[in-house]
Amino acid sequence: MAKGEEDVRTRLQRAALELFRECGYDRTTAAEIAARAGVTERTFFRYFPDKREVLFDGEAILRAALTRSIADAPAGEPLLDILFDAFRSVLPALEANRPFSKPRQDVIAGTPALQERELAKTGALSEALSDALQARGAAASRTRLAARIGMAAFVQATISWLDDPEPGLDERLDLAWRELKALFVESDRSTG
């Protein structure tokens, strides 16, 4: 993407977030977002198919980074270890994007239509992670379960970090991983 295009995309995202916070998501139009960003409505639609996608634009980049990390993982690693290593690989990008991500999450949390969209995007990302794990030779039933469990822990760690940046995202993810392992141990004890 050319620098000028990236600048327009960023301006549109910032303008949308400002307007969603000021006026509410439902009361903000694509034309208003474009005007705030200093471009035409037609330009808005060259970058985003609808106003929801302004908030979900980075999903393809995240998916590519996570699936690449899974593909590059050493052979023989347990599925959840591979996933959590993949999640750790994207932490710097998430941390750098926190100034946008925190208010974005606040808008999503207050808008049922956006919550639904976020769940759909998270589900699609989970399926992509499952597919990447399957490409390594793991059984589909195991990869789907691992991807869903891993995504749930990753989302929990990320949202808790967005709500309060201390401790950091890396520590939050490590805590989620430890708690997940503790649940497995606890479950083994209760069934044994």
N, C-alpha and C. Protein backbone atom coordinates (compact mmCIF):
# COMPACT_ATOMS: atom_id res chain seq x y z
N MET A 1 0.84 -1.17 0.00
CA MET A 1 0.00 0.00 0.00
C MET A 1 0.89 1.24 0.00
N ALA A 2 0.59 2.18 -0.86
CA ALA A 2 1.36 3.42 -0.95
C ALA A 2 1.14 4.26 0.31
N LYS A 3 2.14 5.09 0.62
CA LYS A 3 2.07 5.90 1.83
C LYS A 3 0.84 6.79 1.85
N GLY A 4 0.53 7.41 0.71
CA GLY A 4 -0.65 8.27 0.63
C GLY A 4 -1.93 7.51 0.92
N GLU A 5 -2.02 6.28 0.41
CA GLU A 5 -3.20 5.45 0.66
C GLU A 5 -3.29 5.08 2.14
N GLU A 6 -2.14 4.77 2.74
CA GLU A 6 -2.12 4.43 4.16
C GLU A 6 -2.58 5.62 4.99
N ASP A 7 -2.15 6.83 4.59
CA ASP A 7 -2.55 8.03 5.31
C ASP A 7 -4.06 8.24 5.23
N VAL A 8 -4.65 8.05 4.06
CA VAL A 8 -6.09 8.21 3.90
C VAL A 8 -6.82 7.16 4.74
N ARG A 9 -6.37 5.92 4.70
CA ARG A 9 -6.99 4.85 5.48
C ARG A 9 -6.94 5.20 6.97
N THR A 10 -5.79 5.65 7.43
CA THR A 10 -5.63 6.00 8.85
C THR A 10 -6.53 7.18 9.22
N ARG A 11 -6.60 8.18 8.36
CA ARG A 11 -7.48 9.33 8.63
C ARG A 11 -8.94 8.90 8.70
N LEU A 12 -9.34 8.01 7.81
CA LEU A 12 -10.72 7.52 7.84
C LEU A 12 -10.99 6.74 9.13
N GLN A 13 -10.05 5.92 9.54
CA GLN A 13 -10.24 5.15 10.77
C GLN A 13 -10.33 6.08 11.98
N ARG A 14 -9.46 7.05 12.06
CA ARG A 14 -9.50 7.99 13.19
C ARG A 14 -10.78 8.80 13.20
N ALA A 15 -11.17 9.27 12.02
CA ALA A 15 -12.40 10.06 11.92
C ALA A 15 -13.61 9.22 12.34
N ALA A 16 -13.65 7.99 11.88
CA ALA A 16 -14.77 7.12 12.24
C ALA A 16 -14.82 6.89 13.74
N LEU A 17 -13.69 6.60 14.32
CA LEU A 17 -13.65 6.34 15.76
C LEU A 17 -14.08 7.58 16.54
N GLU A 18 -13.61 8.74 16.14
CA GLU A 18 -14.03 9.98 16.81
C GLU A 18 -15.54 10.16 16.72
N LEU A 19 -16.09 9.99 15.52
CA LEU A 19 -17.53 10.18 15.34
C LEU A 19 -18.35 9.12 16.06
N PHE A 20 -17.89 7.88 16.04
CA PHE A 20 -18.61 6.82 16.76
C PHE A 20 -18.66 7.15 18.25
N ARG A 21 -17.58 7.68 18.77
CA ARG A 21 -17.54 8.01 20.20
C ARG A 21 -18.38 9.25 20.50
N GLU A 22 -18.38 10.23 19.60
CA GLU A 22 -19.13 11.47 19.82
C GLU A 22 -20.64 11.29 19.59
N CYS A 23 -20.99 10.61 18.52
CA CYS A 23 -22.39 10.55 18.08
C CYS A 23 -23.03 9.17 18.22
N GLY A 24 -22.21 8.16 18.41
CA GLY A 24 -22.71 6.80 18.42
C GLY A 24 -22.54 6.17 17.06
N TYR A 25 -22.34 4.88 17.06
CA TYR A 25 -22.12 4.16 15.81
C TYR A 25 -23.34 4.28 14.89
N ASP A 26 -24.53 4.02 15.42
CA ASP A 26 -25.73 4.00 14.59
C ASP A 26 -26.06 5.35 13.98
N ARG A 27 -25.68 6.42 14.65
CA ARG A 27 -26.02 7.76 14.16
C ARG A 27 -24.92 8.38 13.29
N THR A 28 -23.89 7.63 12.99
CA THR A 28 -22.80 8.13 12.16
C THR A 28 -22.89 7.51 10.77
N THR A 29 -22.74 8.34 9.75
CA THR A 29 -22.80 7.84 8.37
C THR A 29 -21.40 7.81 7.75
N ALA A 30 -21.29 7.05 6.68
CA ALA A 30 -20.03 7.00 5.94
C ALA A 30 -19.69 8.38 5.37
N ALA A 31 -20.71 9.13 4.96
CA ALA A 31 -20.48 10.48 4.43
C ALA A 31 -19.87 11.38 5.50
N GLU A 32 -20.36 11.26 6.72
CA GLU A 32 -19.81 12.08 7.82
C GLU A 32 -18.38 11.69 8.14
N ILE A 33 -18.09 10.41 8.09
CA ILE A 33 -16.72 9.95 8.33
C ILE A 33 -15.80 10.50 7.25
N ALA A 34 -16.23 10.41 6.01
CA ALA A 34 -15.42 10.91 4.90
C ALA A 34 -15.18 12.41 5.04
N ALA A 35 -16.23 13.15 5.36
CA ALA A 35 -16.08 14.60 5.51
C ALA A 35 -15.10 14.93 6.63
N ARG A 36 -15.20 14.25 7.75
CA ARG A 36 -14.29 14.49 8.88
C ARG A 36 -12.84 14.19 8.48
N ALA A 37 -12.65 13.19 7.63
CA ALA A 37 -11.31 12.81 7.18
C ALA A 37 -10.81 13.67 6.02
N GLY A 38 -11.69 14.50 5.47
CA GLY A 38 -11.30 15.38 4.37
C GLY A 38 -11.26 14.70 3.02
N VAL A 39 -12.10 13.68 2.84
CA VAL A 39 -12.18 12.99 1.55
C VAL A 39 -13.65 12.86 1.17
N THR A 40 -13.89 12.35 -0.02
CA THR A 40 -15.27 12.17 -0.46
C THR A 40 -15.82 10.83 0.05
N GLU A 41 -17.13 10.72 0.03
CA GLU A 41 -17.76 9.46 0.42
C GLU A 41 -17.34 8.34 -0.53
N ARG A 42 -17.17 8.68 -1.79
CA ARG A 42 -16.70 7.68 -2.76
C ARG A 42 -15.32 7.15 -2.37
N THR A 43 -14.46 8.03 -1.88
CA THR A 43 -13.13 7.60 -1.42
C THR A 43 -13.27 6.67 -0.23
N PHE A 44 -14.19 6.99 0.68
CA PHE A 44 -14.43 6.11 1.83
C PHE A 44 -14.69 4.69 1.35
N PHE A 45 -15.58 4.55 0.37
CA PHE A 45 -15.96 3.22 -0.10
C PHE A 45 -14.89 2.55 -0.96
N ARG A 46 -13.88 3.28 -1.39
CA ARG A 46 -12.73 2.64 -2.03
C ARG A 46 -11.88 1.91 -0.99
N TYR A 47 -11.91 2.37 0.23
CA TYR A 47 -11.10 1.77 1.29
C TYR A 47 -11.86 0.76 2.15
N PHE A 48 -13.15 1.01 2.34
CA PHE A 48 -13.94 0.17 3.24
C PHE A 48 -15.29 -0.12 2.60
N PRO A 49 -15.73 -1.39 2.64
CA PRO A 49 -17.02 -1.73 2.04
C PRO A 49 -18.21 -1.16 2.83
N ASP A 50 -18.03 -0.95 4.14
CA ASP A 50 -19.07 -0.36 4.97
C ASP A 50 -18.42 0.24 6.21
N LYS A 51 -19.21 0.94 7.00
CA LYS A 51 -18.62 1.65 8.14
C LYS A 51 -18.15 0.71 9.25
N ARG A 52 -18.70 -0.50 9.31
CA ARG A 52 -18.21 -1.45 10.32
C ARG A 52 -16.75 -1.81 10.08
N GLU A 53 -16.39 -1.98 8.82
CA GLU A 53 -15.05 -2.46 8.50
C GLU A 53 -13.95 -1.47 8.87
N VAL A 54 -14.30 -0.23 9.12
CA VAL A 54 -13.32 0.74 9.59
C VAL A 54 -12.70 0.25 10.90
N LEU A 55 -13.50 -0.41 11.71
CA LEU A 55 -13.04 -0.89 13.01
C LEU A 55 -12.41 -2.28 12.95
N PHE A 56 -12.58 -2.99 11.85
CA PHE A 56 -12.08 -4.37 11.76
C PHE A 56 -11.05 -4.53 10.65
N ASP A 57 -10.45 -3.46 10.24
CA ASP A 57 -9.55 -3.45 9.09
C ASP A 57 -8.29 -4.29 9.28
N GLY A 58 -7.76 -4.40 10.47
CA GLY A 58 -6.49 -5.10 10.68
C GLY A 58 -6.60 -6.61 10.78
N GLU A 59 -7.80 -7.16 10.67
CA GLU A 59 -8.00 -8.59 10.86
C GLU A 59 -7.21 -9.42 9.86
N ALA A 60 -7.13 -9.01 8.62
CA ALA A 60 -6.40 -9.78 7.61
C ALA A 60 -4.90 -9.81 7.92
N ILE A 61 -4.38 -8.71 8.39
CA ILE A 61 -2.95 -8.64 8.75
C ILE A 61 -2.69 -9.55 9.95
N LEU A 62 -3.57 -9.50 10.95
CA LEU A 62 -3.42 -10.35 12.13
C LEU A 62 -3.49 -11.82 11.73
N ARG A 63 -4.44 -12.17 10.91
CA ARG A 63 -4.60 -13.56 10.44
C ARG A 63 -3.34 -14.04 9.74
N ALA A 64 -2.80 -13.22 8.85
CA ALA A 64 -1.61 -13.61 8.11
C ALA A 64 -0.41 -13.81 9.04
N ALA A 65 -0.25 -12.92 10.00
CA ALA A 65 0.88 -13.04 10.94
C ALA A 65 0.74 -14.29 11.81
N LEU A 66 -0.45 -14.55 12.30
CA LEU A 66 -0.66 -15.72 13.16
C LEU A 66 -0.48 -17.02 12.38
N THR A 67 -1.06 -17.10 11.20
CA THR A 67 -0.94 -18.35 10.44
C THR A 67 0.49 -18.58 9.95
N ARG A 68 1.21 -17.51 9.67
CA ARG A 68 2.62 -17.64 9.28
C ARG A 68 3.44 -18.17 10.46
N SER A 69 3.17 -17.66 11.65
CA SER A 69 3.87 -18.13 12.84
C SER A 69 3.58 -19.61 13.09
N ILE A 70 2.34 -20.02 12.91
CA ILE A 70 1.98 -21.43 13.08
C ILE A 70 2.72 -22.29 12.07
N ALA A 71 2.76 -21.86 10.83
CA ALA A 71 3.44 -22.63 9.78
C ALA A 71 4.94 -22.75 10.07
N ASP A 72 5.52 -21.73 10.67
CA ASP A 72 6.96 -21.71 10.93
C ASP A 72 7.36 -22.38 12.24
N ALA A 73 6.40 -22.83 13.04
CA ALA A 73 6.70 -23.44 14.33
C ALA A 73 7.46 -24.75 14.15
N PRO A 74 8.33 -25.08 15.10
CA PRO A 74 9.07 -26.34 15.01
C PRO A 74 8.13 -27.55 15.02
N ALA A 75 8.53 -28.59 14.34
CA ALA A 75 7.75 -29.83 14.30
C ALA A 75 7.69 -30.45 15.70
N GLY A 76 6.58 -31.10 15.98
CA GLY A 76 6.45 -31.84 17.23
C GLY A 76 5.98 -31.03 18.42
N GLU A 77 5.76 -29.74 18.25
CA GLU A 77 5.28 -28.91 19.36
C GLU A 77 3.79 -29.19 19.62
N PRO A 78 3.35 -29.14 20.88
CA PRO A 78 1.92 -29.29 21.16
C PRO A 78 1.12 -28.13 20.54
N LEU A 79 -0.11 -28.44 20.17
CA LEU A 79 -0.94 -27.45 19.46
C LEU A 79 -1.11 -26.14 20.24
N LEU A 80 -1.42 -26.23 21.52
CA LEU A 80 -1.63 -25.01 22.29
C LEU A 80 -0.33 -24.21 22.46
N ASP A 81 0.80 -24.88 22.56
CA ASP A 81 2.09 -24.17 22.60
C ASP A 81 2.31 -23.40 21.31
N ILE A 82 2.01 -24.04 20.18
CA ILE A 82 2.15 -23.39 18.88
C ILE A 82 1.27 -22.15 18.82
N LEU A 83 0.02 -22.29 19.26
CA LEU A 83 -0.90 -21.16 19.23
C LEU A 83 -0.44 -20.01 20.11
N PHE A 84 -0.05 -20.32 21.34
CA PHE A 84 0.35 -19.24 22.24
C PHE A 84 1.65 -18.58 21.78
N ASP A 85 2.54 -19.34 21.15
CA ASP A 85 3.73 -18.72 20.55
C ASP A 85 3.32 -17.80 19.40
N ALA A 86 2.33 -18.22 18.62
CA ALA A 86 1.84 -17.36 17.54
C ALA A 86 1.23 -16.08 18.11
N PHE A 87 0.44 -16.20 19.17
CA PHE A 87 -0.14 -15.02 19.79
C PHE A 87 0.95 -14.07 20.29
N ARG A 88 1.99 -14.64 20.91
CA ARG A 88 3.10 -13.81 21.39
C ARG A 88 3.79 -13.07 20.24
N SER A 89 3.81 -13.68 19.07
CA SER A 89 4.50 -13.07 17.93
C SER A 89 3.83 -11.78 17.46
N VAL A 90 2.54 -11.61 17.76
CA VAL A 90 1.84 -10.40 17.31
C VAL A 90 1.69 -9.36 18.41
N LEU A 91 2.18 -9.64 19.60
CA LEU A 91 2.01 -8.70 20.70
C LEU A 91 2.60 -7.32 20.43
N PRO A 92 3.79 -7.21 19.84
CA PRO A 92 4.31 -5.86 19.58
C PRO A 92 3.38 -5.01 18.71
N ALA A 93 2.78 -5.61 17.71
CA ALA A 93 1.85 -4.86 16.85
C ALA A 93 0.61 -4.45 17.63
N LEU A 94 0.09 -5.34 18.47
CA LEU A 94 -1.09 -5.00 19.27
C LEU A 94 -0.76 -3.90 20.26
N GLU A 95 0.39 -3.98 20.89
CA GLU A 95 0.78 -2.95 21.86
C GLU A 95 0.95 -1.59 21.19
N ALA A 96 1.53 -1.58 20.00
CA ALA A 96 1.72 -0.32 19.28
C ALA A 96 0.39 0.30 18.86
N ASN A 97 -0.63 -0.54 18.67
CA ASN A 97 -1.94 -0.08 18.21
C ASN A 97 -2.90 0.23 19.36
N ARG A 98 -2.46 0.13 20.59
CA ARG A 98 -3.34 0.32 21.74
C ARG A 98 -4.09 1.67 21.72
N PRO A 99 -3.46 2.79 21.31
CA PRO A 99 -4.20 4.06 21.30
C PRO A 99 -5.46 4.03 20.43
N PHE A 100 -5.47 3.20 19.40
CA PHE A 100 -6.67 3.03 18.59
C PHE A 100 -7.54 1.90 19.14
N SER A 101 -6.91 0.84 19.59
CA SER A 101 -7.65 -0.37 20.00
C SER A 101 -8.51 -0.17 21.23
N LYS A 102 -8.04 0.60 22.19
CA LYS A 102 -8.82 0.81 23.42
C LYS A 102 -10.14 1.52 23.13
N PRO A 103 -10.13 2.69 22.49
CA PRO A 103 -11.42 3.32 22.19
C PRO A 103 -12.26 2.50 21.21
N ARG A 104 -11.60 1.79 20.30
CA ARG A 104 -12.32 0.90 19.38
C ARG A 104 -13.10 -0.15 20.16
N GLN A 105 -12.44 -0.77 21.14
CA GLN A 105 -13.10 -1.79 21.95
C GLN A 105 -14.27 -1.20 22.74
N ASP A 106 -14.11 0.02 23.21
CA ASP A 106 -15.21 0.69 23.93
C ASP A 106 -16.42 0.89 23.03
N VAL A 107 -16.18 1.29 21.79
CA VAL A 107 -17.28 1.47 20.83
C VAL A 107 -17.95 0.12 20.56
N ILE A 108 -17.16 -0.90 20.34
CA ILE A 108 -17.72 -2.23 20.07
C ILE A 108 -18.53 -2.72 21.26
N ALA A 109 -18.00 -2.55 22.47
CA ALA A 109 -18.69 -3.02 23.67
C ALA A 109 -20.05 -2.35 23.85
N GLY A 110 -20.21 -1.14 23.33
CA GLY A 110 -21.47 -0.43 23.48
C GLY A 110 -22.40 -0.54 22.28
N THR A 111 -22.07 -1.39 21.31
CA THR A 111 -22.86 -1.47 20.08
C THR A 111 -23.13 -2.92 19.73
N PRO A 112 -24.35 -3.41 19.95
CA PRO A 112 -24.65 -4.82 19.67
C PRO A 112 -24.30 -5.28 18.26
N ALA A 113 -24.54 -4.46 17.25
CA ALA A 113 -24.22 -4.87 15.87
C ALA A 113 -22.72 -5.08 15.70
N LEU A 114 -21.92 -4.29 16.38
CA LEU A 114 -20.47 -4.44 16.29
C LEU A 114 -20.00 -5.63 17.13
N GLN A 115 -20.67 -5.89 18.22
CA GLN A 115 -20.34 -7.09 19.01
C GLN A 115 -20.55 -8.34 18.18
N GLU A 116 -21.64 -8.36 17.46
CA GLU A 116 -21.94 -9.50 16.58
C GLU A 116 -20.86 -9.64 15.50
N ARG A 117 -20.47 -8.52 14.93
CA ARG A 117 -19.43 -8.53 13.89
C ARG A 117 -18.11 -9.03 14.46
N GLU A 118 -17.78 -8.58 15.67
CA GLU A 118 -16.53 -9.01 16.31
C GLU A 118 -16.55 -10.52 16.57
N LEU A 119 -17.67 -11.04 17.00
CA LEU A 119 -17.78 -12.49 17.21
C LEU A 119 -17.59 -13.25 15.90
N ALA A 120 -18.15 -12.74 14.82
CA ALA A 120 -17.99 -13.38 13.52
C ALA A 120 -16.54 -13.34 13.07
N LYS A 121 -15.88 -12.21 13.26
CA LYS A 121 -14.47 -12.09 12.88
C LYS A 121 -13.60 -13.00 13.74
N THR A 122 -13.89 -13.08 15.03
CA THR A 122 -13.13 -13.96 15.92
C THR A 122 -13.34 -15.42 15.52
N GLY A 123 -14.56 -15.77 15.18
CA GLY A 123 -14.83 -17.13 14.71
C GLY A 123 -14.09 -17.46 13.43
N ALA A 124 -14.05 -16.52 12.50
CA ALA A 124 -13.33 -16.74 11.25
C ALA A 124 -11.83 -16.86 11.50
N LEU A 125 -11.31 -16.07 12.42
CA LEU A 125 -9.90 -16.16 12.76
C LEU A 125 -9.58 -17.50 13.42
N SER A 126 -10.47 -17.95 14.27
CA SER A 126 -10.31 -19.26 14.90
C SER A 126 -10.26 -20.36 13.85
N GLU A 127 -11.12 -20.29 12.86
CA GLU A 127 -11.11 -21.28 11.77
C GLU A 127 -9.82 -21.23 10.97
N ALA A 128 -9.30 -20.03 10.74
CA ALA A 128 -8.03 -19.90 10.02
C ALA A 128 -6.89 -20.52 10.82
N LEU A 129 -6.91 -20.33 12.13
CA LEU A 129 -5.88 -20.92 12.98
C LEU A 129 -6.00 -22.45 12.96
N SER A 130 -7.22 -22.94 13.01
CA SER A 130 -7.45 -24.38 12.94
C SER A 130 -6.91 -24.94 11.62
N ASP A 131 -7.20 -24.25 10.52
CA ASP A 131 -6.71 -24.69 9.21
C ASP A 131 -5.18 -24.71 9.18
N ALA A 132 -4.56 -23.69 9.77
CA ALA A 132 -3.09 -23.64 9.79
C ALA A 132 -2.51 -24.79 10.60
N LEU A 133 -3.17 -25.13 11.70
CA LEU A 133 -2.72 -26.27 12.50
C LEU A 133 -2.93 -27.59 11.75
N GLN A 134 -4.06 -27.69 11.04
CA GLN A 134 -4.31 -28.90 10.25
C GLN A 134 -3.26 -29.06 9.15
N ALA A 135 -2.82 -27.96 8.58
CA ALA A 135 -1.80 -28.02 7.52
C ALA A 135 -0.49 -28.61 8.05
N ARG A 136 -0.32 -28.62 9.35
CA ARG A 136 0.87 -29.21 9.98
C ARG A 136 0.66 -30.71 10.23
N GLY A 137 -0.55 -31.22 9.90
CA GLY A 137 -0.81 -32.64 10.03
C GLY A 137 -1.66 -33.04 11.22
N ALA A 138 -2.15 -32.08 11.99
CA ALA A 138 -2.98 -32.39 13.15
C ALA A 138 -4.42 -32.69 12.71
N ALA A 139 -5.11 -33.49 13.50
CA ALA A 139 -6.49 -33.86 13.20
C ALA A 139 -7.42 -32.66 13.34
N ALA A 140 -8.39 -32.56 12.44
CA ALA A 140 -9.31 -31.43 12.41
C ALA A 140 -10.04 -31.24 13.73
N SER A 141 -10.51 -32.33 14.34
CA SER A 141 -11.26 -32.18 15.59
C SER A 141 -10.39 -31.56 16.69
N ARG A 142 -9.12 -31.93 16.72
CA ARG A 142 -8.19 -31.37 17.72
C ARG A 142 -7.85 -29.92 17.40
N THR A 143 -7.64 -29.62 16.12
CA THR A 143 -7.24 -28.25 15.78
C THR A 143 -8.38 -27.27 16.01
N ARG A 144 -9.62 -27.67 15.72
CA ARG A 144 -10.76 -26.77 15.98
C ARG A 144 -10.88 -26.47 17.46
N LEU A 145 -10.76 -27.50 18.28
CA LEU A 145 -10.86 -27.31 19.73
C LEU A 145 -9.71 -26.44 20.24
N ALA A 146 -8.50 -26.74 19.82
CA ALA A 146 -7.34 -25.96 20.26
C ALA A 146 -7.47 -24.50 19.82
N ALA A 147 -7.89 -24.27 18.58
CA ALA A 147 -8.02 -22.90 18.08
C ALA A 147 -9.08 -22.13 18.85
N ARG A 148 -10.20 -22.76 19.15
CA ARG A 148 -11.27 -22.08 19.89
C ARG A 148 -10.85 -21.79 21.33
N ILE A 149 -10.21 -22.75 21.96
CA ILE A 149 -9.74 -22.53 23.33
C ILE A 149 -8.67 -21.44 23.35
N GLY A 150 -7.72 -21.55 22.42
CA GLY A 150 -6.65 -20.56 22.35
C GLY A 150 -7.17 -19.17 22.09
N MET A 151 -8.11 -19.05 21.14
CA MET A 151 -8.68 -17.72 20.83
C MET A 151 -9.41 -17.15 22.03
N ALA A 152 -10.15 -17.99 22.75
CA ALA A 152 -10.86 -17.49 23.93
C ALA A 152 -9.88 -16.91 24.95
N ALA A 153 -8.78 -17.61 25.18
CA ALA A 153 -7.77 -17.12 26.13
C ALA A 153 -7.10 -15.84 25.61
N PHE A 154 -6.81 -15.82 24.32
CA PHE A 154 -6.17 -14.64 23.71
C PHE A 154 -7.08 -13.42 23.80
N VAL A 155 -8.35 -13.60 23.48
CA VAL A 155 -9.31 -12.49 23.56
C VAL A 155 -9.45 -12.01 25.00
N GLN A 156 -9.55 -12.93 25.93
CA GLN A 156 -9.67 -12.54 27.34
C GLN A 156 -8.45 -11.73 27.78
N ALA A 157 -7.26 -12.20 27.44
CA ALA A 157 -6.04 -11.49 27.81
C ALA A 157 -6.00 -10.11 27.18
N THR A 158 -6.38 -10.02 25.91
CA THR A 158 -6.32 -8.74 25.21
C THR A 158 -7.34 -7.75 25.76
N ILE A 159 -8.56 -8.19 25.98
CA ILE A 159 -9.58 -7.27 26.50
C ILE A 159 -9.25 -6.81 27.91
N SER A 160 -8.75 -7.71 28.75
CA SER A 160 -8.39 -7.28 30.11
C SER A 160 -7.24 -6.29 30.06
N TRP A 161 -6.31 -6.45 29.13
CA TRP A 161 -5.21 -5.50 28.97
C TRP A 161 -5.71 -4.16 28.43
N LEU A 162 -6.68 -4.19 27.51
CA LEU A 162 -7.24 -2.93 27.02
C LEU A 162 -7.95 -2.18 28.14
N ASP A 163 -8.60 -2.91 29.04
CA ASP A 163 -9.27 -2.28 30.17
C ASP A 163 -8.29 -1.68 31.16
N ASP A 164 -7.12 -2.32 31.31
CA ASP A 164 -6.10 -1.86 32.26
C ASP A 164 -4.74 -2.31 31.72
N PRO A 165 -3.89 -1.38 31.29
CA PRO A 165 -2.63 -1.76 30.64
C PRO A 165 -1.58 -2.39 31.56
N GLU A 166 -1.82 -2.39 32.84
CA GLU A 166 -0.87 -3.01 33.77
C GLU A 166 -1.53 -4.18 34.46
N PRO A 167 -0.97 -5.36 34.45
CA PRO A 167 0.28 -5.71 33.80
C PRO A 167 0.15 -5.70 32.28
N GLY A 168 1.28 -5.78 31.61
CA GLY A 168 1.31 -5.71 30.16
C GLY A 168 0.63 -6.88 29.47
N LEU A 169 0.48 -6.75 28.18
CA LEU A 169 -0.21 -7.77 27.39
C LEU A 169 0.52 -9.10 27.44
N ASP A 170 1.85 -9.08 27.39
CA ASP A 170 2.62 -10.32 27.47
C ASP A 170 2.33 -11.05 28.79
N GLU A 171 2.31 -10.29 29.88
CA GLU A 171 2.01 -10.90 31.18
C GLU A 171 0.58 -11.42 31.23
N ARG A 172 -0.34 -10.68 30.64
CA ARG A 172 -1.74 -11.13 30.60
C ARG A 172 -1.88 -12.43 29.81
N LEU A 173 -1.18 -12.51 28.70
CA LEU A 173 -1.24 -13.73 27.89
C LEU A 173 -0.62 -14.90 28.64
N ASP A 174 0.50 -14.66 29.31
CA ASP A 174 1.13 -15.72 30.11
C ASP A 174 0.20 -16.17 31.23
N LEU A 175 -0.48 -15.24 31.86
CA LEU A 175 -1.43 -15.59 32.92
C LEU A 175 -2.57 -16.44 32.35
N ALA A 176 -3.10 -16.05 31.21
CA ALA A 176 -4.18 -16.84 30.57
C ALA A 176 -3.69 -18.25 30.26
N TRP A 177 -2.46 -18.37 29.79
CA TRP A 177 -1.89 -19.68 29.47
C TRP A 177 -1.74 -20.52 30.74
N ARG A 178 -1.23 -19.90 31.81
CA ARG A 178 -1.08 -20.64 33.07
C ARG A 178 -2.45 -21.06 33.62
N GLU A 179 -3.42 -20.19 33.56
CA GLU A 179 -4.76 -20.51 34.06
C GLU A 179 -5.39 -21.63 33.23
N LEU A 180 -5.17 -21.60 31.94
CA LEU A 180 -5.69 -22.65 31.07
C LEU A 180 -5.07 -24.00 31.43
N LYS A 181 -3.76 -24.02 31.60
CA LYS A 181 -3.09 -25.27 32.00
C LYS A 181 -3.58 -25.73 33.37
N ALA A 182 -3.79 -24.80 34.28
CA ALA A 182 -4.28 -25.16 35.62
C ALA A 182 -5.68 -25.78 35.54
N LEU A 183 -6.51 -25.27 34.64
CA LEU A 183 -7.84 -25.86 34.46
C LEU A 183 -7.73 -27.30 33.98
N PHE A 184 -6.80 -27.57 33.07
CA PHE A 184 -6.62 -28.94 32.59
C PHE A 184 -6.15 -29.85 33.70
N VAL A 185 -5.22 -29.38 34.53
CA VAL A 185 -4.71 -30.18 35.64
C VAL A 185 -5.83 -30.44 36.65
N GLU A 186 -6.59 -29.38 36.95
CA GLU A 186 -7.71 -29.50 37.88
C GLU A 186 -8.74 -30.50 37.37
N SER A 187 -9.00 -30.45 36.07
CA SER A 187 -9.97 -31.37 35.47
C SER A 187 -9.46 -32.81 35.53
N ASP A 188 -8.16 -33.00 35.28
CA ASP A 188 -7.58 -34.34 35.38
C ASP A 188 -7.71 -34.90 36.80
N ARG A 189 -7.51 -34.05 37.80
CA ARG A 189 -7.60 -34.49 39.19
C ARG A 189 -9.03 -34.90 39.57
N SER A 190 -9.99 -34.14 39.07
CA SER A 190 -11.36 -34.41 39.46
C SER A 190 -11.93 -35.64 38.75
N THR A 191 -11.36 -36.01 37.61
CA THR A 191 -11.84 -37.19 36.91
C THR A 191 -11.01 -38.43 37.20
N GLY A 192 -9.88 -38.24 37.86
CA GLY A 192 -8.96 -39.35 38.10
C GLY A 192 -9.21 -40.13 39.32
